[in-house]
Every structure is written in structure tokens, then in C-alpha cells.
Amino acid sequence: MAGVRHSWRQRYRIWRRAASMIQPTRLRVMLFLTAAAATALSFALNRFSPQEHASAFSVAPNSQRMIAPEGNRTIVAFYRVSNSGSRPLTFGRTSTTCGCSLASISPKCIKPGEEAVITIQGTPPPSGEKTVRAEVQTDDPNGKSVILDLTMVGNAAPPFVAKDSGPVHFGEVFERPARQTFWIVATENAKDAPWLSVPQSSQELSLDGGMVEEKIVGDLAFRKYEFSVDLEVPDSPGTYAGVVKFSPPGQPPHEVKVQAVFRSAVFAIPPVLYASSAPGEPSPEFVVRLKSLNEGFSLSVKPPKNSGDSLEVRPLAGEDDSAFRVLWRGSSSETTTRRLVFTTNHPKMPEVVVPLTIKGTGITASR
């Protein structure tokens, strides 16, 4: 109480009473902190225990270096994966770092103590070395994948084709397409004349070109050839798939593919309409779009003049006048064929015919 003075005996008794109340609380706090520290230490020891979190598999070997067989054919390498864990090990997706190689594994799941075989197939370079890395995903507790390396060594003796620009794609065309080019890089003997010559032209393909670049390193010559290709328009639309074949003396042929899709000046998508119909089923409906590859030309299309009572062709709402909805309202008991003739404003293709077939089953649909 304010203003009360205590003797030294009274003050000592008050201090003892307060101390007796504080000490149990301090002891409880110290015990709590000690228990928390012990729990954290135990968790850390378990978390990083090498026995519990060691990899569940072993690989032999991890990497290989293989020389291409005679003729520089495909290299095939095998790797063994052992399940050293205490539960089944399942393998997932496989991948490699190069499109020149492919990895596979069998079986997809192994029990403790069992083995799986990983196979890597690769196309070696004509000369020099190329290393590819393969990865096989697993359900290992650590989330680890199987990582393997394969170094492929080419053994081809010059002259040989080292690389090329790949297939020649003309795309979709309706008239003679623009000229396309491709290139080939060859490793040759420096003392020899240029190795590749222009292949003979065909009725569809015309070729021209030759060596455009040369680099001499010791006894070797690295020569780049460039060729141009002209493609003639065939008599009818369709897909063109040709080959430019180089046949150098003493070596296997080297081929470059040529691809194109020839369209009419105006064509329909889809080009043919087909559906089956049965009594009780919804009437067949189609969407037809007419298209021209002629850049800068504004295509205008009119639907068939005489659609008949059983067939209705009308412009597709919300689109230009080259898209149509085709609705069949005829019989479902017999097969019917029609020719839908669309009229266009294109001078080279005034009409486009789209065949229509409705196959009537005559069988009432079950409900």
C-alpha cells in the first residue's frame, strides 16, 4: 500500500514469496525449450539419414563410348538398372537430348533385387564424336531419374555427306510454285575434285546448282553445295512426294525429299460430304467452306441453284459468303447421292463440285 514502510524482515519475506512463485515457471520454460530442441534434432537426423534417403537404384554402366559399325549403321547400347531399395521401382517417361537417338526400358517395374535393361539406339555422325544423354524418370523417394550418357563415334572415310538442310517443302500451291533451294555439306579428300554433281532432272523436277563454298583443313575439304528446285504443276490436284537422289561413285545414294500439295484454284473443305441416316435420328448437317490460295483475290461463292425439297444449302451465319451450311431433309430409308455445284467468281475455277452421299439405313434408331 502507498505510504506503508516495511521493516527489513518483512521485505525479506515478501522477496522469498515472490521467488518461490517465479522459479516453477522458469523451470517449466526451460523444460519446454529442451524438449523442443530434442525434437528438432531428432527430426533433422531422420530427415537426412543416408540409409532412408539413399537412391533406390544403381546403374551399370553410367556411360559408354561406342564406335559405329561398318557402314556407319545404328549404334545400340545397353545399360542395367538394379533395384537396391526395399519396395518396387517403377519407371516413367524416357527422353534423350538429340533427335538422332531413342531410349527405351524393359520391364517398366522391378521388385527389390531385380534388374531392368535400358536400350539406347542412336545414329552416329559420319565422323567425329557425338554424346547424347538419356533420362528415365522413376518413382524413387528422392525424385531422382536415371541419367545415362552415350558417346557415338563415326568411322566413315571421306568422301561422305555430313549434313543437309532437310526435306524441301513447297506447301500448298495451285499454280507453279516459287523456286526452292536446299544445301548439302560433304567431307571430301582435298586432292579430289568436288564430289557431288547435279542429279538429272525429271518430268516434275528441274534442278540446278553446285559447290558454293570450300574450306581446306589438312587433307580434308569441307564443301558446301547448294541446289535449286523447280516443281511443275501436275495434271490433277493431289499430294506430291518426290526424291532428289545423289549417286556419288563408290558411296551409297543420298536422298533429299521434295513435298507439295497441289490444290485447285478454288477448292472445298471438306471435298466430299458423307453421312448415314436412320429414321428417328437427327437429320445430317454439314459445313462447307470454299477457299482459294490466290493471294489478293477476293473469293465470292454462290450456293447450288437447285437444292431440291430434301436438301437445303444456305450461307453460314457470321461468316463470309464462301461458307455454307448443308442440311439434309430427305428420306432415311435409302442411299442418296447428289452433286453440289458451287459457282465462284474465279476465272480459272468458275464451278466447284462437292459430292454428297447420304446412306439410309432404313432402321429405326432405338431410344
Protein backbone atom coordinates (compact mmCIF):
# COMPACT_ATOMS: atom_id res chain seq x y z
CA MET A 1 0.00 0.00 0.00
CA ALA A 2 1.16 3.52 -0.80
CA GLY A 3 2.95 5.14 2.09
CA VAL A 4 3.46 1.86 4.04
CA ARG A 5 7.01 1.26 5.21
CA HIS A 6 8.16 -2.32 5.89
CA SER A 7 10.91 -3.48 8.09
CA TRP A 8 13.82 -5.44 6.59
CA ARG A 9 12.31 -8.68 7.93
CA GLN A 10 9.02 -8.01 6.17
CA ARG A 11 10.78 -7.10 2.90
CA TYR A 12 12.80 -10.36 3.01
CA ARG A 13 9.64 -12.47 3.48
CA ILE A 14 7.96 -10.70 0.52
CA TRP A 15 11.02 -11.38 -1.73
CA ARG A 16 11.08 -15.09 -0.74
CA ARG A 17 7.40 -15.46 -1.51
CA ALA A 18 7.82 -13.88 -4.99
CA ALA A 19 10.88 -16.01 -5.78
CA SER A 20 9.01 -19.19 -4.87
CA MET A 21 6.33 -18.26 -7.42
CA ILE A 22 8.81 -17.43 -10.25
CA GLN A 23 11.08 -20.50 -10.07
CA PRO A 24 8.47 -23.17 -11.16
CA THR A 25 7.53 -21.05 -14.17
CA ARG A 26 11.18 -20.66 -15.19
CA LEU A 27 11.70 -24.39 -14.79
CA ARG A 28 8.71 -25.18 -16.98
CA VAL A 29 10.03 -22.83 -19.69
CA MET A 30 13.47 -24.46 -19.58
CA LEU A 31 11.96 -27.96 -19.82
CA PHE A 32 9.82 -26.88 -22.79
CA LEU A 33 12.79 -25.41 -24.65
CA THR A 34 14.85 -28.53 -24.01
CA ALA A 35 12.12 -30.81 -25.33
CA ALA A 36 11.68 -28.65 -28.43
CA ALA A 37 15.41 -28.74 -29.18
CA ALA A 38 15.49 -32.52 -28.79
CA THR A 39 12.53 -32.91 -31.17
CA ALA A 40 14.17 -30.68 -33.80
CA LEU A 41 17.45 -32.61 -33.54
CA SER A 42 15.63 -35.92 -33.92
CA PHE A 43 13.76 -34.66 -36.99
CA ALA A 44 16.98 -33.44 -38.58
CA LEU A 45 18.71 -36.76 -38.00
CA ASN A 46 15.80 -38.65 -39.52
CA ARG A 47 15.41 -36.17 -42.37
CA PHE A 48 18.95 -36.54 -43.57
CA SER A 49 19.52 -40.15 -42.69
CA PRO A 50 21.64 -41.65 -45.52
CA GLN A 51 20.04 -45.06 -45.14
CA GLU A 52 16.45 -43.85 -45.50
CA HIS A 53 17.06 -41.40 -48.36
CA ALA A 54 19.68 -43.18 -50.41
CA SER A 55 18.85 -43.79 -54.08
CA ALA A 56 16.64 -46.84 -54.64
CA PHE A 57 18.56 -47.95 -57.72
CA SER A 58 22.04 -48.45 -59.15
CA VAL A 59 23.16 -48.28 -62.79
CA ALA A 60 25.93 -50.12 -64.61
CA PRO A 61 27.46 -48.61 -66.64
CA ASN A 62 26.60 -44.92 -66.39
CA SER A 63 28.22 -44.05 -69.71
CA GLN A 64 29.53 -45.79 -72.80
CA ARG A 65 31.62 -44.85 -75.83
CA MET A 66 30.94 -46.87 -78.95
CA ILE A 67 32.39 -46.79 -82.47
CA ALA A 68 29.92 -47.07 -85.32
CA PRO A 69 29.83 -50.47 -87.04
CA GLU A 70 30.90 -50.90 -90.64
CA GLY A 71 28.76 -48.80 -92.91
CA ASN A 72 28.09 -46.31 -90.09
CA ARG A 73 24.88 -48.06 -89.15
CA THR A 74 22.85 -47.56 -85.96
CA ILE A 75 24.60 -47.94 -82.62
CA VAL A 76 22.78 -49.91 -79.91
CA ALA A 77 23.91 -49.64 -76.25
CA PHE A 78 22.54 -51.48 -73.19
CA TYR A 79 22.52 -50.35 -69.54
CA ARG A 80 21.35 -52.30 -66.46
CA VAL A 81 19.37 -50.72 -63.63
CA SER A 82 19.12 -52.63 -60.32
CA ASN A 83 16.50 -52.03 -57.63
CA SER A 84 18.52 -51.64 -54.44
CA GLY A 85 15.59 -50.35 -52.38
CA SER A 86 13.01 -52.08 -50.25
CA ARG A 87 9.95 -51.55 -52.46
CA PRO A 88 9.11 -51.91 -56.18
CA LEU A 89 10.67 -49.33 -58.50
CA THR A 90 8.56 -48.02 -61.40
CA PHE A 91 9.99 -46.28 -64.46
CA GLY A 92 8.25 -43.47 -66.33
CA ARG A 93 8.90 -41.32 -69.37
CA THR A 94 12.15 -41.65 -71.32
CA SER A 95 13.84 -38.84 -73.24
CA THR A 96 17.13 -38.04 -74.97
CA THR A 97 18.96 -34.82 -75.77
CA CYS A 98 19.12 -35.49 -79.51
CA GLY A 99 16.63 -36.49 -82.17
CA CYS A 100 19.30 -38.86 -83.51
CA SER A 101 18.72 -41.24 -80.57
CA LEU A 102 15.91 -43.13 -78.85
CA ALA A 103 15.78 -44.67 -75.35
CA SER A 104 13.53 -47.45 -74.04
CA ILE A 105 13.37 -49.58 -70.88
CA SER A 106 12.02 -53.03 -70.06
CA PRO A 107 10.38 -54.01 -67.79
CA LYS A 108 8.63 -50.89 -66.55
CA CYS A 109 8.55 -52.04 -62.91
CA ILE A 110 11.08 -54.13 -60.95
CA LYS A 111 10.93 -55.59 -57.47
CA PRO A 112 13.77 -55.23 -54.93
CA GLY A 113 16.82 -57.09 -56.22
CA GLU A 114 15.57 -57.26 -59.83
CA GLU A 115 17.06 -55.58 -62.90
CA ALA A 116 15.73 -53.66 -65.90
CA VAL A 117 17.54 -53.01 -69.18
CA ILE A 118 17.69 -49.55 -70.79
CA THR A 119 18.39 -49.57 -74.52
CA ILE A 120 19.69 -46.50 -76.38
CA GLN A 121 19.66 -46.57 -80.17
CA GLY A 122 21.50 -43.78 -81.95
CA THR A 123 22.63 -42.69 -85.38
CA PRO A 124 26.32 -41.82 -85.19
CA PRO A 125 27.84 -38.88 -87.06
CA PRO A 126 29.74 -39.78 -90.22
CA SER A 127 32.95 -38.78 -88.47
CA GLY A 128 33.96 -37.39 -85.11
CA GLU A 129 32.06 -37.90 -81.86
CA LYS A 130 28.62 -37.02 -80.57
CA THR A 131 27.43 -37.52 -76.99
CA VAL A 132 23.75 -37.92 -76.19
CA ARG A 133 22.23 -38.06 -72.72
CA ALA A 134 19.22 -40.21 -71.88
CA GLU A 135 16.90 -39.70 -68.90
CA VAL A 136 14.43 -42.21 -67.48
CA GLN A 137 12.05 -40.91 -64.83
CA THR A 138 11.37 -43.08 -61.75
CA ASP A 139 9.30 -43.06 -58.57
CA ASP A 140 12.47 -43.01 -56.45
CA PRO A 141 11.77 -41.47 -52.98
CA ASN A 142 14.22 -38.65 -53.78
CA GLY A 143 12.61 -37.96 -57.13
CA LYS A 144 15.79 -38.95 -58.94
CA SER A 145 15.90 -40.06 -62.57
CA VAL A 146 18.25 -42.49 -64.28
CA ILE A 147 20.82 -40.44 -66.23
CA LEU A 148 22.94 -42.16 -68.92
CA ASP A 149 25.46 -40.96 -71.49
CA LEU A 150 26.31 -42.49 -74.86
CA THR A 151 29.20 -41.20 -76.96
CA MET A 152 28.90 -42.29 -80.59
CA VAL A 153 32.00 -42.27 -82.78
CA GLY A 154 31.62 -42.17 -86.56
CA ASN A 155 34.01 -44.15 -88.73
CA ALA A 156 33.09 -43.07 -92.25
CA ALA A 157 36.01 -42.39 -94.57
CA PRO A 158 35.76 -39.42 -96.93
CA PRO A 159 34.02 -38.61 -99.11
CA PHE A 160 30.64 -38.61 -97.32
CA VAL A 161 27.65 -36.33 -96.69
CA ALA A 162 28.00 -34.71 -93.27
CA LYS A 163 24.60 -32.95 -93.17
CA ASP A 164 21.93 -31.34 -95.31
CA SER A 165 19.13 -28.81 -94.96
CA GLY A 166 16.41 -31.47 -94.83
CA PRO A 167 13.31 -32.05 -96.99
CA VAL A 168 12.14 -29.41 -99.45
CA HIS A 169 8.59 -28.26 -98.65
CA PHE A 170 6.66 -26.29 -101.26
CA GLY A 171 3.50 -26.25 -99.13
CA GLU A 172 0.01 -25.84 -100.60
CA VAL A 173 0.00 -24.43 -104.13
CA PHE A 174 -2.46 -24.16 -107.04
CA GLU A 175 -0.02 -22.96 -109.71
CA ARG A 176 3.68 -23.34 -110.39
CA PRO A 177 5.35 -22.59 -107.04
CA ALA A 178 8.34 -20.37 -106.43
CA ARG A 179 11.77 -21.99 -106.69
CA GLN A 180 13.10 -23.62 -103.54
CA THR A 181 16.71 -24.29 -102.52
CA PHE A 182 18.48 -26.83 -100.35
CA TRP A 183 22.09 -27.38 -99.36
CA ILE A 184 24.42 -30.29 -98.60
CA VAL A 185 27.73 -30.25 -96.70
CA ALA A 186 30.17 -33.02 -97.59
CA THR A 187 33.55 -34.04 -96.19
CA GLU A 188 35.89 -34.94 -99.02
CA ASN A 189 39.53 -35.51 -99.82
CA ALA A 190 41.15 -32.15 -100.56
CA LYS A 191 43.05 -33.52 -103.54
CA ASP A 192 39.88 -34.75 -105.25
CA ALA A 193 37.52 -32.73 -107.42
CA PRO A 194 34.12 -31.73 -105.99
CA TRP A 195 32.24 -34.91 -105.28
CA LEU A 196 28.55 -34.09 -105.83
CA SER A 197 27.10 -33.22 -109.19
CA VAL A 198 23.63 -32.03 -110.20
CA PRO A 199 21.23 -35.00 -110.48
CA GLN A 200 19.37 -35.50 -113.71
CA SER A 201 16.08 -33.58 -113.88
CA SER A 202 12.76 -35.40 -114.19
CA GLN A 203 9.43 -34.51 -115.74
CA GLU A 204 8.27 -32.96 -112.46
CA LEU A 205 11.55 -31.65 -111.03
CA SER A 206 14.17 -29.36 -112.56
CA LEU A 207 17.46 -28.94 -110.70
CA ASP A 208 20.43 -26.62 -110.90
CA GLY A 209 23.39 -25.74 -108.70
CA GLY A 210 26.75 -26.96 -107.44
CA MET A 211 29.53 -26.21 -104.95
CA VAL A 212 29.31 -22.74 -103.37
CA GLU A 213 31.84 -22.92 -100.51
CA GLU A 214 35.03 -24.80 -99.69
CA LYS A 215 37.25 -24.99 -96.60
CA ILE A 216 40.52 -26.97 -96.64
CA VAL A 217 41.85 -28.42 -93.37
CA GLY A 218 44.89 -30.62 -93.88
CA ASP A 219 43.97 -33.44 -96.23
CA LEU A 220 40.23 -32.81 -95.89
CA ALA A 221 37.93 -30.47 -97.79
CA PHE A 222 34.64 -29.34 -96.27
CA ARG A 223 32.47 -28.41 -99.26
CA LYS A 224 29.01 -26.91 -99.29
CA TYR A 225 26.72 -27.49 -102.26
CA GLU A 226 23.56 -25.54 -102.99
CA PHE A 227 20.84 -26.63 -105.40
CA SER A 228 17.62 -25.03 -106.62
CA VAL A 229 14.43 -26.97 -107.38
CA ASP A 230 11.60 -26.09 -109.74
CA LEU A 231 8.39 -28.09 -109.49
CA GLU A 232 5.94 -28.43 -112.35
CA VAL A 233 2.17 -28.39 -111.78
CA PRO A 234 0.64 -31.86 -112.27
CA ASP A 235 -2.44 -32.50 -114.39
CA SER A 236 -4.67 -33.01 -111.36
CA PRO A 237 -4.67 -31.85 -107.72
CA GLY A 238 -3.13 -34.07 -105.09
CA THR A 239 -0.11 -34.66 -102.90
CA TYR A 240 3.32 -34.74 -104.49
CA ALA A 241 6.14 -36.69 -102.82
CA GLY A 242 9.35 -36.86 -104.85
CA VAL A 243 13.02 -37.52 -104.20
CA VAL A 244 16.21 -35.88 -105.42
CA LYS A 245 18.76 -38.70 -105.48
CA PHE A 246 22.50 -38.12 -105.49
CA SER A 247 24.52 -41.17 -106.55
CA PRO A 248 28.19 -40.38 -105.88
CA PRO A 249 30.65 -43.00 -107.12
CA GLY A 250 31.64 -45.62 -104.58
CA GLN A 251 29.15 -44.44 -101.95
CA PRO A 252 25.52 -45.21 -101.09
CA PRO A 253 22.94 -42.81 -102.60
CA HIS A 254 21.94 -39.70 -100.68
CA GLU A 255 18.30 -38.64 -100.98
CA VAL A 256 16.52 -35.33 -100.36
CA LYS A 257 12.73 -35.49 -100.20
CA VAL A 258 10.54 -32.98 -102.05
CA GLN A 259 6.94 -32.46 -100.89
CA ALA A 260 3.99 -30.36 -102.07
CA VAL A 261 0.20 -30.32 -102.01
CA PHE A 262 -1.41 -29.16 -105.26
CA ARG A 263 -4.85 -27.64 -104.95
CA SER A 264 -7.37 -26.42 -107.47
CA ALA A 265 -7.65 -22.66 -107.95
CA VAL A 266 -10.71 -22.93 -105.68
CA PHE A 267 -11.37 -25.99 -103.52
CA ALA A 268 -13.85 -27.11 -100.89
CA ILE A 269 -13.17 -28.17 -97.31
CA PRO A 270 -14.18 -30.93 -96.90
CA PRO A 271 -14.06 -32.00 -100.56
CA VAL A 272 -16.66 -34.79 -100.04
CA LEU A 273 -19.74 -34.98 -97.80
CA TYR A 274 -20.86 -38.32 -96.36
CA ALA A 275 -23.22 -39.35 -93.56
CA SER A 276 -25.52 -42.17 -92.55
CA SER A 277 -29.13 -41.56 -91.57
CA ALA A 278 -31.81 -43.65 -89.88
CA PRO A 279 -35.46 -42.91 -89.06
CA GLY A 280 -35.73 -41.18 -85.69
CA GLU A 281 -32.21 -39.77 -85.81
CA PRO A 282 -31.42 -36.06 -86.30
CA SER A 283 -31.08 -35.09 -89.95
CA PRO A 284 -27.44 -34.85 -91.16
CA GLU A 285 -25.89 -31.39 -91.34
CA PHE A 286 -22.57 -30.26 -92.83
CA VAL A 287 -20.45 -27.13 -93.05
CA VAL A 288 -18.65 -26.50 -96.36
CA ARG A 289 -16.03 -23.78 -96.85
CA LEU A 290 -14.60 -22.82 -100.23
CA LYS A 291 -11.06 -21.49 -100.32
CA SER A 292 -8.62 -20.00 -102.82
CA LEU A 293 -4.83 -19.90 -102.44
CA ASN A 294 -4.61 -16.97 -104.83
CA GLU A 295 -3.28 -14.15 -102.63
CA GLY A 296 -5.06 -10.84 -103.02
CA PHE A 297 -8.09 -12.40 -104.71
CA SER A 298 -11.50 -11.76 -103.10
CA LEU A 299 -13.43 -15.00 -103.49
CA SER A 300 -17.21 -14.86 -103.91
CA VAL A 301 -19.34 -18.03 -103.99
CA LYS A 302 -22.98 -18.75 -104.73
CA PRO A 303 -24.69 -21.93 -103.43
CA PRO A 304 -26.17 -24.57 -105.75
CA LYS A 305 -29.08 -23.22 -107.78
CA ASN A 306 -31.41 -26.19 -107.39
CA SER A 307 -31.15 -27.70 -103.93
CA GLY A 308 -34.49 -29.53 -104.04
CA ASP A 309 -37.01 -30.02 -101.27
CA SER A 310 -34.87 -32.58 -99.45
CA LEU A 311 -31.67 -30.51 -99.45
CA GLU A 312 -31.05 -27.00 -98.19
CA VAL A 313 -27.80 -25.05 -98.67
CA ARG A 314 -27.59 -21.65 -97.04
CA PRO A 315 -24.81 -19.21 -96.05
CA LEU A 316 -23.23 -19.83 -92.68
CA ALA A 317 -24.27 -17.07 -90.30
CA GLY A 318 -21.49 -14.81 -89.07
CA GLU A 319 -19.02 -15.75 -91.83
CA ASP A 320 -18.20 -14.54 -95.34
CA ASP A 321 -20.07 -15.69 -98.44
CA SER A 322 -17.74 -18.66 -99.03
CA ALA A 323 -19.01 -20.75 -96.08
CA PHE A 324 -22.27 -22.70 -96.17
CA ARG A 325 -24.41 -24.98 -94.03
CA VAL A 326 -25.80 -28.03 -95.82
CA LEU A 327 -28.93 -29.65 -94.31
CA TRP A 328 -30.40 -32.95 -95.49
CA ARG A 329 -34.18 -33.27 -95.15
CA GLY A 330 -34.74 -36.29 -97.38
CA SER A 331 -35.51 -39.96 -96.80
CA SER A 332 -33.54 -42.06 -94.34
CA SER A 333 -34.62 -45.39 -95.80
CA GLU A 334 -32.38 -45.47 -98.87
CA THR A 335 -28.99 -44.20 -100.04
CA THR A 336 -28.97 -40.90 -101.96
CA THR A 337 -26.16 -39.16 -103.87
CA ARG A 338 -26.06 -35.55 -105.05
CA ARG A 339 -23.59 -33.20 -106.75
CA LEU A 340 -23.47 -29.80 -105.10
CA VAL A 341 -22.26 -27.29 -107.69
CA PHE A 342 -20.99 -24.03 -106.19
CA THR A 343 -20.48 -21.07 -108.54
CA THR A 344 -17.43 -18.83 -107.98
CA ASN A 345 -16.02 -15.61 -109.42
CA HIS A 346 -12.58 -17.15 -110.02
CA PRO A 347 -11.69 -17.09 -113.73
CA LYS A 348 -9.82 -20.42 -113.55
CA MET A 349 -12.41 -22.23 -111.43
CA PRO A 350 -15.93 -20.98 -112.11
CA GLU A 351 -17.51 -24.08 -110.56
CA VAL A 352 -16.62 -26.34 -107.64
CA VAL A 353 -18.40 -29.69 -107.34
CA VAL A 354 -18.81 -31.29 -103.90
CA PRO A 355 -20.20 -34.86 -103.93
CA LEU A 356 -22.79 -35.66 -101.26
CA THR A 357 -23.76 -39.17 -100.13
CA ILE A 358 -26.43 -39.93 -97.53
CA LYS A 359 -26.52 -43.62 -96.63
CA GLY A 360 -30.02 -44.51 -95.45
CA THR A 361 -30.16 -47.50 -93.13
CA GLY A 362 -33.95 -47.87 -93.04
CA ILE A 363 -33.58 -48.98 -89.42
CA THR A 364 -35.39 -47.02 -86.78
CA ALA A 365 -33.00 -45.72 -84.16
CA SER A 366 -33.55 -47.09 -80.66
CA ARG A 367 -34.42 -44.67 -77.91
